[in-house]
Amino acid sequence: MRDKVSDLIGDGRWKLPQGNLLSSSNDRRWSGVAAEKRRHSAGEVPEMISDRTVIALTLRGTSEAVIHRRGNGERQATTAVTGTFWLCPEGVAEDSIRITADIPEMLHIYLPRNPFTQLSLEDNYPDLDATTISYRSGSHDTLIAEIGHIFDSELTRETSSGKLLVEAAGVTLAAFLAHKYSCISLSYGYHAQAIHALDKKRLDRVREFIDANLDNDISVDELAGVACLSKFHFIRAFKAASGISPHSYVSHLRLERAKLLLRLGQISLQDIALTCRFSSQSNFTKAFRRVVGVPPGQYRQRSK
């Protein structure tokens, strides 16, 4: 079952004003991660206690805005220029948040506990969980910025394999936070392990599963299960074996499926959009045109 933003941030204790919401993953089929893009007005924000790890990233900021916040008694004051990030681990009570000036665009990413729990088991760090992530902010982090822009791009311009893309990005983000921004020392783990490519038998099994389920939602969890690997290791092992990421592989197959269905001319554009796992025909049209150069209707006409 996919996780909505409301599922991932809980009810009541971590709730931002609805009026400043610009876009949300609520209408997408994402699982294991959620995101919102918001503008923030100057003023006070009510007390919040999140039951998920929250990562905030300023997409379009200003040097005039400073966010003053207090979590578990720790005070921070951070200028909200573009690229600034904030981390709020699960369970931290933010009892004071004040924004001194309007912030045009900020991304909020919500991660559940599960990826941190899996990582602790795989890397043999029993003390690692979501609550060990530091409550902190920073002016810039290259990987957080890159992953944030993946989420932002997918919220703005949906792709056929966006579900896989953001789930993989969420897994990568959780591992990165655990190893760089954890309160406990991790001297060896996910990022230090050698990448072992999927063997041919497992790779063929994953490809067969994708072919059989191309018209359905495909999750990183499912593909990792088919390969008998964790999500963390599967993503890298698949790319090492095939040369491309899982979402790129699925995206290519779905594009070819869309082209075939358009050439056959037997079903509507709306049905093709749904078959290729887009949330709407308009998003399918935009994505198809970006890749192929012409909208699907025109492609169909040319194919007659």
Protein backbone atom coordinates (compact mmCIF):
# COMPACT_ATOMS: atom_id res chain seq x y z
CA MET A 1 0.00 0.00 0.00
CA ARG A 2 1.40 3.39 -0.91
CA ASP A 3 2.13 5.97 1.77
CA LYS A 4 0.46 9.34 1.53
CA VAL A 5 2.01 12.44 3.02
CA SER A 6 -0.60 12.33 5.76
CA ASP A 7 0.39 8.73 6.54
CA LEU A 8 4.07 9.58 6.74
CA ILE A 9 3.89 12.64 8.96
CA GLY A 10 1.12 11.55 11.30
CA ASP A 11 -1.99 13.47 12.25
CA GLY A 12 -2.07 16.64 14.24
CA ARG A 13 1.40 16.87 15.79
CA TRP A 14 3.31 17.69 12.59
CA LYS A 15 1.00 19.68 10.41
CA LEU A 16 1.89 22.64 8.22
CA PRO A 17 -0.69 25.15 6.90
CA GLN A 18 -2.50 23.91 3.81
CA GLY A 19 -2.63 27.36 2.24
CA ASN A 20 1.06 27.40 1.38
CA LEU A 21 1.16 23.97 -0.31
CA LEU A 22 2.50 24.16 -3.89
CA SER A 23 2.63 20.46 -4.78
CA SER A 24 2.44 17.09 -3.05
CA SER A 25 3.08 13.41 -3.65
CA ASN A 26 -0.39 12.59 -2.31
CA ASP A 27 -1.73 11.95 -5.81
CA ARG A 28 1.21 9.77 -6.78
CA ARG A 29 1.79 6.05 -6.19
CA TRP A 30 4.94 6.48 -4.12
CA SER A 31 5.61 4.15 -1.21
CA GLY A 32 8.10 4.38 1.63
CA VAL A 33 8.66 8.10 1.12
CA ALA A 34 6.59 11.25 0.62
CA ALA A 35 7.27 14.86 -0.27
CA GLU A 36 5.68 18.30 -0.38
CA LYS A 37 6.79 21.56 -1.95
CA ARG A 38 5.69 24.67 -0.06
CA ARG A 39 6.15 28.38 0.24
CA HIS A 40 6.54 29.64 3.77
CA SER A 41 5.29 32.97 5.05
CA ALA A 42 6.98 34.95 7.78
CA GLY A 43 5.60 34.14 11.23
CA GLU A 44 5.35 31.51 13.91
CA VAL A 45 4.77 27.80 13.20
CA PRO A 46 2.85 25.70 15.77
CA GLU A 47 4.64 23.12 17.89
CA MET A 48 5.42 19.93 15.99
CA ILE A 49 6.38 16.38 16.91
CA SER A 50 7.06 14.20 13.88
CA ASP A 51 6.69 10.44 13.84
CA ARG A 52 8.92 10.36 10.75
CA THR A 53 12.30 11.82 9.81
CA VAL A 54 11.79 15.17 8.07
CA ILE A 55 14.31 16.72 5.68
CA ALA A 56 13.64 20.28 4.55
CA LEU A 57 15.55 21.85 1.66
CA THR A 58 15.28 25.43 0.41
CA LEU A 59 14.75 25.29 -3.36
CA ARG A 60 14.36 29.05 -3.73
CA GLY A 61 15.43 30.98 -0.69
CA THR A 62 16.43 34.46 0.39
CA SER A 63 19.11 35.90 2.62
CA GLU A 64 16.40 37.97 4.32
CA ALA A 65 14.76 34.90 5.84
CA VAL A 66 16.12 33.33 8.99
CA ILE A 67 14.50 30.26 10.56
CA HIS A 68 14.77 30.19 14.34
CA ARG A 69 13.82 26.82 15.75
CA ARG A 70 14.15 24.88 18.99
CA GLY A 71 14.05 21.10 19.19
CA ASN A 72 14.43 19.18 22.43
CA GLY A 73 15.84 22.35 23.99
CA GLU A 74 18.45 22.97 21.27
CA ARG A 75 18.22 26.38 19.55
CA GLN A 76 19.21 27.04 15.95
CA ALA A 77 19.13 30.12 13.72
CA THR A 78 19.73 29.44 10.01
CA THR A 79 19.53 31.78 7.03
CA ALA A 80 17.23 30.25 4.41
CA VAL A 81 19.28 30.81 1.27
CA THR A 82 18.88 28.38 -1.62
CA GLY A 83 20.40 25.00 -0.79
CA THR A 84 20.03 25.27 3.00
CA PHE A 85 18.78 22.09 4.66
CA TRP A 86 17.24 21.15 8.01
CA LEU A 87 17.00 17.70 9.62
CA CYS A 88 14.39 16.78 12.19
CA PRO A 89 14.64 13.15 13.34
CA GLU A 90 11.68 11.08 14.43
CA GLY A 91 10.34 11.95 17.87
CA VAL A 92 11.94 15.38 18.25
CA ALA A 93 9.58 18.02 19.66
CA GLU A 94 9.99 21.33 17.87
CA ASP A 95 8.28 23.70 20.30
CA SER A 96 9.43 26.95 18.69
CA ILE A 97 9.75 27.77 14.97
CA ARG A 98 9.87 31.37 13.73
CA ILE A 99 10.43 32.50 10.12
CA THR A 100 11.53 36.13 9.72
CA ALA A 101 10.68 36.59 6.00
CA ASP A 102 8.81 34.78 3.23
CA ILE A 103 10.54 31.77 1.65
CA PRO A 104 9.41 31.19 -1.97
CA GLU A 105 9.98 27.42 -2.27
CA MET A 106 10.94 24.74 0.23
CA LEU A 107 10.86 20.98 -0.21
CA HIS A 108 9.88 18.69 2.69
CA ILE A 109 10.81 14.99 2.42
CA TYR A 110 9.34 12.47 4.88
CA LEU A 111 11.11 9.17 5.59
CA PRO A 112 9.61 6.38 7.73
CA ARG A 113 11.58 4.34 10.26
CA ASN A 114 11.90 1.22 8.12
CA PRO A 115 14.98 2.05 5.98
CA PHE A 116 16.99 3.03 9.05
CA THR A 117 15.99 -0.21 10.79
CA GLN A 118 17.00 -2.29 7.76
CA LEU A 119 20.32 -0.50 7.52
CA SER A 120 21.12 -1.16 11.17
CA LEU A 121 20.49 -4.89 10.68
CA GLU A 122 22.50 -5.19 7.48
CA ASP A 123 25.50 -3.22 8.68
CA ASN A 124 25.39 -4.68 12.20
CA TYR A 125 24.76 -1.39 14.01
CA PRO A 126 22.08 -2.32 16.56
CA ASP A 127 22.09 1.20 18.05
CA LEU A 128 21.23 2.85 14.73
CA ASP A 129 17.65 3.89 14.09
CA ALA A 130 15.75 6.95 12.87
CA THR A 131 16.00 8.65 16.26
CA THR A 132 19.81 8.75 16.08
CA ILE A 133 19.81 11.21 13.17
CA SER A 134 21.07 14.60 14.34
CA TYR A 135 18.79 17.57 14.81
CA ARG A 136 20.69 20.06 12.71
CA SER A 137 20.80 22.44 9.79
CA GLY A 138 23.41 23.34 7.21
CA SER A 139 24.12 25.83 4.47
CA HIS A 140 24.63 23.17 1.79
CA ASP A 141 25.10 19.45 1.27
CA THR A 142 25.69 18.27 -2.29
CA LEU A 143 23.95 14.90 -1.99
CA ILE A 144 20.93 16.24 -0.10
CA ALA A 145 20.60 18.96 -2.75
CA GLU A 146 20.84 16.42 -5.60
CA ILE A 147 18.26 14.11 -4.06
CA GLY A 148 16.01 17.06 -3.26
CA HIS A 149 16.03 18.11 -6.89
CA ILE A 150 15.09 14.56 -7.93
CA PHE A 151 11.99 14.83 -5.75
CA ASP A 152 11.25 18.34 -6.96
CA SER A 153 11.58 17.32 -10.60
CA GLU A 154 9.28 14.34 -10.16
CA LEU A 155 6.67 16.46 -8.36
CA THR A 156 6.82 18.99 -11.20
CA ARG A 157 7.18 16.66 -14.19
CA GLU A 158 5.96 13.13 -13.54
CA THR A 159 7.74 10.30 -15.35
CA SER A 160 6.59 6.74 -16.03
CA SER A 161 9.09 5.24 -13.59
CA GLY A 162 9.03 8.08 -11.08
CA LYS A 163 7.84 5.76 -8.33
CA LEU A 164 11.02 3.70 -8.62
CA LEU A 165 13.16 6.81 -8.94
CA VAL A 166 11.96 8.50 -5.76
CA GLU A 167 11.90 5.25 -3.77
CA ALA A 168 15.53 4.61 -4.72
CA ALA A 169 16.39 8.22 -3.88
CA GLY A 170 14.69 7.81 -0.50
CA VAL A 171 16.71 4.67 0.25
CA THR A 172 19.93 6.45 -0.73
CA LEU A 173 19.00 9.47 1.39
CA ALA A 174 18.29 7.34 4.48
CA ALA A 175 21.65 5.58 4.15
CA PHE A 176 23.46 8.87 3.65
CA LEU A 177 21.85 10.48 6.70
CA ALA A 178 22.68 7.45 8.82
CA HIS A 179 26.33 7.55 7.88
CA LYS A 180 26.96 11.29 7.82
CA TYR A 181 24.44 12.80 10.22
CA SER A 182 23.94 10.13 12.87
CA CYS A 183 24.65 10.83 16.54
CA ILE A 184 26.54 7.53 16.74
CA SER A 185 29.83 6.76 15.05
CA LEU A 186 29.61 4.53 11.97
CA SER A 187 33.12 3.68 10.87
CA TYR A 188 32.11 1.07 8.30
CA GLY A 189 28.90 0.33 6.48
CA TYR A 190 26.77 0.80 3.42
CA HIS A 191 28.93 3.35 1.63
CA ALA A 192 32.13 1.42 2.32
CA GLN A 193 30.96 -1.92 1.03
CA ALA A 194 32.08 -3.12 -2.38
CA ILE A 195 29.50 -3.17 -5.14
CA HIS A 196 28.78 -6.69 -6.39
CA ALA A 197 26.82 -6.89 -9.62
CA LEU A 198 23.76 -9.11 -9.82
CA ASP A 199 24.65 -12.48 -11.26
CA LYS A 200 22.98 -13.42 -14.54
CA LYS A 201 20.40 -15.68 -12.89
CA ARG A 202 19.17 -12.96 -10.53
CA LEU A 203 19.31 -10.28 -13.20
CA ASP A 204 17.22 -12.41 -15.57
CA ARG A 205 14.74 -13.09 -12.77
CA VAL A 206 14.35 -9.36 -12.08
CA ARG A 207 13.93 -8.56 -15.78
CA GLU A 208 11.30 -11.27 -16.15
CA PHE A 209 9.41 -9.86 -13.18
CA ILE A 210 9.50 -6.35 -14.68
CA ASP A 211 8.30 -7.62 -18.06
CA ALA A 212 5.41 -9.47 -16.40
CA ASN A 213 4.39 -6.47 -14.29
CA LEU A 214 5.12 -3.54 -16.57
CA ASP A 215 1.47 -2.44 -16.49
CA ASN A 216 1.43 -2.52 -12.67
CA ASP A 217 3.09 -0.43 -10.00
CA ILE A 218 6.59 -1.80 -9.40
CA SER A 219 8.38 -0.97 -6.18
CA VAL A 220 12.02 -1.17 -5.15
CA ASP A 221 10.89 -3.52 -2.36
CA GLU A 222 9.43 -5.96 -4.90
CA LEU A 223 12.47 -5.94 -7.16
CA ALA A 224 14.83 -6.34 -4.24
CA GLY A 225 12.73 -9.27 -3.02
CA VAL A 226 12.94 -10.96 -6.41
CA ALA A 227 16.72 -10.56 -6.32
CA CYS A 228 16.85 -11.74 -2.69
CA LEU A 229 18.73 -8.58 -1.66
CA SER A 230 18.03 -5.58 0.52
CA LYS A 231 16.86 -2.38 -1.15
CA PHE A 232 20.18 -0.71 -0.38
CA HIS A 233 22.24 -3.38 -2.11
CA PHE A 234 19.82 -4.17 -4.94
CA ILE A 235 19.81 -0.64 -6.40
CA ARG A 236 23.58 -0.62 -6.80
CA ALA A 237 23.87 -4.29 -7.80
CA PHE A 238 21.29 -3.88 -10.60
CA LYS A 239 23.10 -0.86 -12.04
CA ALA A 240 26.46 -2.62 -11.79
CA ALA A 241 25.06 -5.56 -13.76
CA SER A 242 22.98 -3.74 -16.37
CA GLY A 243 24.69 -0.37 -16.69
CA ILE A 244 21.53 1.58 -15.87
CA SER A 245 19.39 2.14 -12.80
CA PRO A 246 16.17 0.17 -12.22
CA HIS A 247 13.99 3.21 -12.88
CA SER A 248 15.79 3.98 -16.17
CA TYR A 249 15.30 0.38 -17.29
CA VAL A 250 11.59 0.43 -16.48
CA SER A 251 11.18 3.87 -18.03
CA HIS A 252 12.67 2.68 -21.32
CA LEU A 253 10.39 -0.36 -21.45
CA ARG A 254 7.29 1.72 -20.70
CA LEU A 255 8.20 4.26 -23.39
CA GLU A 256 8.51 1.47 -25.93
CA ARG A 257 5.18 0.04 -24.71
CA ALA A 258 3.54 3.45 -25.15
CA LYS A 259 4.91 3.78 -28.68
CA LEU A 260 3.60 0.34 -29.61
CA LEU A 261 0.13 1.06 -28.20
CA LEU A 262 0.03 4.38 -30.05
CA ARG A 263 0.98 2.72 -33.33
CA LEU A 264 -1.68 0.04 -32.88
CA GLY A 265 -4.27 2.78 -32.33
CA GLN A 266 -6.71 0.53 -30.47
CA ILE A 267 -6.96 2.26 -27.07
CA SER A 268 -7.33 5.87 -25.98
CA LEU A 269 -4.55 8.16 -24.82
CA GLN A 270 -6.09 8.13 -21.35
CA ASP A 271 -5.86 4.33 -21.18
CA ILE A 272 -2.29 4.35 -22.49
CA ALA A 273 -1.37 6.89 -19.80
CA LEU A 274 -2.81 4.66 -17.08
CA THR A 275 -1.19 1.55 -18.57
CA CYS A 276 2.19 3.30 -18.46
CA ARG A 277 1.56 4.23 -14.80
CA PHE A 278 1.00 7.97 -15.13
CA SER A 279 -1.40 9.66 -12.75
CA SER A 280 -3.06 11.59 -15.60
CA GLN A 281 -3.17 11.87 -19.38
CA SER A 282 -1.71 15.38 -19.23
CA ASN A 283 1.36 14.17 -17.32
CA PHE A 284 1.79 11.35 -19.83
CA THR A 285 1.56 13.82 -22.72
CA LYS A 286 4.19 16.11 -21.18
CA ALA A 287 6.58 13.26 -20.43
CA PHE A 288 6.17 11.65 -23.87
CA ARG A 289 6.79 14.94 -25.62
CA ARG A 290 9.92 15.62 -23.56
CA VAL A 291 11.47 12.31 -24.60
CA VAL A 292 10.15 11.77 -28.13
CA GLY A 293 9.84 15.38 -29.26
CA VAL A 294 6.18 15.27 -30.25
CA PRO A 295 2.98 14.69 -28.21
CA PRO A 296 1.50 11.17 -28.26
CA GLY A 297 -1.46 12.17 -30.43
CA GLN A 298 0.83 13.50 -33.13
CA TYR A 299 3.06 10.42 -32.85
CA ARG A 300 -0.02 8.24 -33.43
CA GLN A 301 -1.02 10.23 -36.50
CA ARG A 302 2.46 9.95 -37.97
CA SER A 303 2.44 6.18 -37.41
CA LYS A 304 -0.69 5.59 -39.49
